[in-house]
Amino acid sequence: MDVSLPSRDREGKTVDFRLSANRDVKAAKAFFRKALETQGRAPVSITLDGYAASHGAVRELPAQNPRWKDTRLRCCGRRNISTT
């Protein structure tokens, strides 16, 4: 099973995505690194569902790349899993 990790802008349009066999911290970090490369800048804010691995990855981002230091983290509080 592949898990889709999509990124959407404020209008709901997909900005970036990554397919992964697992939805864990490693996959989330890979997704955010890819998004930073393709978009060229870190987002102003990231809104995550309640999945702990994504939150762990985002907390570690500023230590790995200073461009993430001003990105705000928001949570919608529910788990949302998209599978293909």
C-alpha atoms as a PDB file:
ATOM      1  CA  MET A   1       0.000   0.000   0.000  1.00  0.00           C
ATOM      2  CA  ASP A   2       1.267   3.458  -0.892  1.00  0.00           C
ATOM      3  CA  VAL A   3       0.445   6.422   1.310  1.00  0.00           C
ATOM      4  CA  SER A   4       0.083   9.837  -0.286  1.00  0.00           C
ATOM      5  CA  LEU A   5       1.544  12.807   1.591  1.00  0.00           C
ATOM      6  CA  PRO A   6       0.032  15.829  -0.220  1.00  0.00           C
ATOM      7  CA  SER A   7       0.732  19.503   0.303  1.00  0.00           C
ATOM      8  CA  ARG A   8      -1.961  22.019  -0.558  1.00  0.00           C
ATOM      9  CA  ASP A   9      -2.017  25.793  -0.742  1.00  0.00           C
ATOM     10  CA  ARG A  10      -4.677  27.935   0.920  1.00  0.00           C
ATOM     11  CA  GLU A  11      -7.018  27.475  -2.057  1.00  0.00           C
ATOM     12  CA  GLY A  12      -6.745  23.693  -1.708  1.00  0.00           C
ATOM     13  CA  LYS A  13      -4.639  23.148  -4.828  1.00  0.00           C
ATOM     14  CA  THR A  14      -1.946  20.477  -4.584  1.00  0.00           C
ATOM     15  CA  VAL A  15       1.488  22.085  -4.381  1.00  0.00           C
ATOM     16  CA  ASP A  16       3.557  18.939  -3.897  1.00  0.00           C
ATOM     17  CA  PHE A  17       3.152  15.289  -2.961  1.00  0.00           C
ATOM     18  CA  ARG A  18       5.157  12.182  -2.203  1.00  0.00           C
ATOM     19  CA  LEU A  19       4.161   8.540  -2.264  1.00  0.00           C
ATOM     20  CA  SER A  20       5.624   6.356   0.439  1.00  0.00           C
ATOM     21  CA  ALA A  21       5.135   2.784   1.614  1.00  0.00           C
ATOM     22  CA  ASN A  22       5.131   4.072   5.200  1.00  0.00           C
ATOM     23  CA  ARG A  23       3.753   7.098   6.971  1.00  0.00           C
ATOM     24  CA  ASP A  24       6.464   7.713   9.522  1.00  0.00           C
ATOM     25  CA  VAL A  25       8.974  10.403  10.548  1.00  0.00           C
ATOM     26  CA  LYS A  26      11.436   9.344   7.839  1.00  0.00           C
ATOM     27  CA  ALA A  27       8.766   9.635   5.126  1.00  0.00           C
ATOM     28  CA  ALA A  28       7.565  12.993   6.467  1.00  0.00           C
ATOM     29  CA  LYS A  29      11.109  14.410   6.509  1.00  0.00           C
ATOM     30  CA  ALA A  30      11.672  13.221   2.937  1.00  0.00           C
ATOM     31  CA  PHE A  31       8.413  14.868   1.891  1.00  0.00           C
ATOM     32  CA  PHE A  32       9.299  18.208   3.491  1.00  0.00           C
ATOM     33  CA  ARG A  33      12.832  18.164   2.015  1.00  0.00           C
ATOM     34  CA  LYS A  34      11.346  17.487  -1.439  1.00  0.00           C
ATOM     35  CA  ALA A  35       8.757  20.244  -1.006  1.00  0.00           C
ATOM     36  CA  LEU A  36      11.458  22.743   0.023  1.00  0.00           C
ATOM     37  CA  GLU A  37      13.535  21.838  -3.038  1.00  0.00           C
ATOM     38  CA  THR A  38      10.661  22.082  -5.519  1.00  0.00           C
ATOM     39  CA  GLN A  39       9.085  25.218  -4.027  1.00  0.00           C
ATOM     40  CA  GLY A  40      12.370  26.993  -3.329  1.00  0.00           C
ATOM     41  CA  ARG A  41      11.251  28.311   0.040  1.00  0.00           C
ATOM     42  CA  ALA A  42       9.739  27.120   3.288  1.00  0.00           C
ATOM     43  CA  PRO A  43       6.031  27.804   3.803  1.00  0.00           C
ATOM     44  CA  VAL A  44       4.777  30.494   6.168  1.00  0.00           C
ATOM     45  CA  SER A  45       2.721  27.872   8.006  1.00  0.00           C
ATOM     46  CA  ILE A  46       2.102  24.132   7.936  1.00  0.00           C
ATOM     47  CA  THR A  47      -1.227  22.680   9.025  1.00  0.00           C
ATOM     48  CA  LEU A  48      -0.985  19.027   9.973  1.00  0.00           C
ATOM     49  CA  ASP A  49      -3.508  16.403  10.932  1.00  0.00           C
ATOM     50  CA  GLY A  50      -3.153  14.648  14.291  1.00  0.00           C
ATOM     51  CA  TYR A  51      -0.558  12.132  13.099  1.00  0.00           C
ATOM     52  CA  ALA A  52       2.420  12.241  15.515  1.00  0.00           C
ATOM     53  CA  ALA A  53       5.121  11.307  12.972  1.00  0.00           C
ATOM     54  CA  SER A  54       4.434  14.431  10.896  1.00  0.00           C
ATOM     55  CA  HIS A  55       4.663  16.623  13.986  1.00  0.00           C
ATOM     56  CA  GLY A  56       7.964  15.004  14.974  1.00  0.00           C
ATOM     57  CA  ALA A  57       9.412  15.631  11.533  1.00  0.00           C
ATOM     58  CA  VAL A  58       8.346  19.308  11.505  1.00  0.00           C
ATOM     59  CA  ARG A  59       9.847  19.905  14.963  1.00  0.00           C
ATOM     60  CA  GLU A  60      13.210  18.605  13.666  1.00  0.00           C
ATOM     61  CA  LEU A  61      13.234  20.636  10.415  1.00  0.00           C
ATOM     62  CA  PRO A  62      14.745  23.915  11.747  1.00  0.00           C
ATOM     63  CA  ALA A  63      17.777  22.062  13.133  1.00  0.00           C
ATOM     64  CA  GLN A  64      18.381  20.494   9.710  1.00  0.00           C
ATOM     65  CA  ASN A  65      17.802  23.599   7.599  1.00  0.00           C
ATOM     66  CA  PRO A  66      17.528  27.172   8.954  1.00  0.00           C
ATOM     67  CA  ARG A  67      15.019  28.117   6.240  1.00  0.00           C
ATOM     68  CA  TRP A  68      12.360  26.312   8.316  1.00  0.00           C
ATOM     69  CA  LYS A  69      12.896  28.386  11.485  1.00  0.00           C
ATOM     70  CA  ASP A  70      10.061  30.881  10.842  1.00  0.00           C
ATOM     71  CA  THR A  71       7.477  28.341   9.644  1.00  0.00           C
ATOM     72  CA  ARG A  72       4.489  28.138  11.999  1.00  0.00           C
ATOM     73  CA  LEU A  73       2.967  24.758  12.843  1.00  0.00           C
ATOM     74  CA  ARG A  74      -0.806  24.403  13.105  1.00  0.00           C
ATOM     75  CA  CYS A  75      -2.864  21.295  13.777  1.00  0.00           C
ATOM     76  CA  CYS A  76      -6.393  20.485  12.681  1.00  0.00           C
ATOM     77  CA  GLY A  77      -6.578  17.769  15.354  1.00  0.00           C
ATOM     78  CA  ARG A  78      -7.857  14.835  13.317  1.00  0.00           C
ATOM     79  CA  ARG A  79      -6.065  12.086  11.444  1.00  0.00           C
ATOM     80  CA  ASN A  80      -6.405  12.180   7.705  1.00  0.00           C
ATOM     81  CA  ILE A  81      -4.932   9.327   5.678  1.00  0.00           C
ATOM     82  CA  SER A  82      -5.100   9.278   1.895  1.00  0.00           C
ATOM     83  CA  THR A  83      -4.236   5.976   0.275  1.00  0.00           C
ATOM     84  CA  THR A  84      -3.951   4.965  -3.345  1.00  0.00           C
END
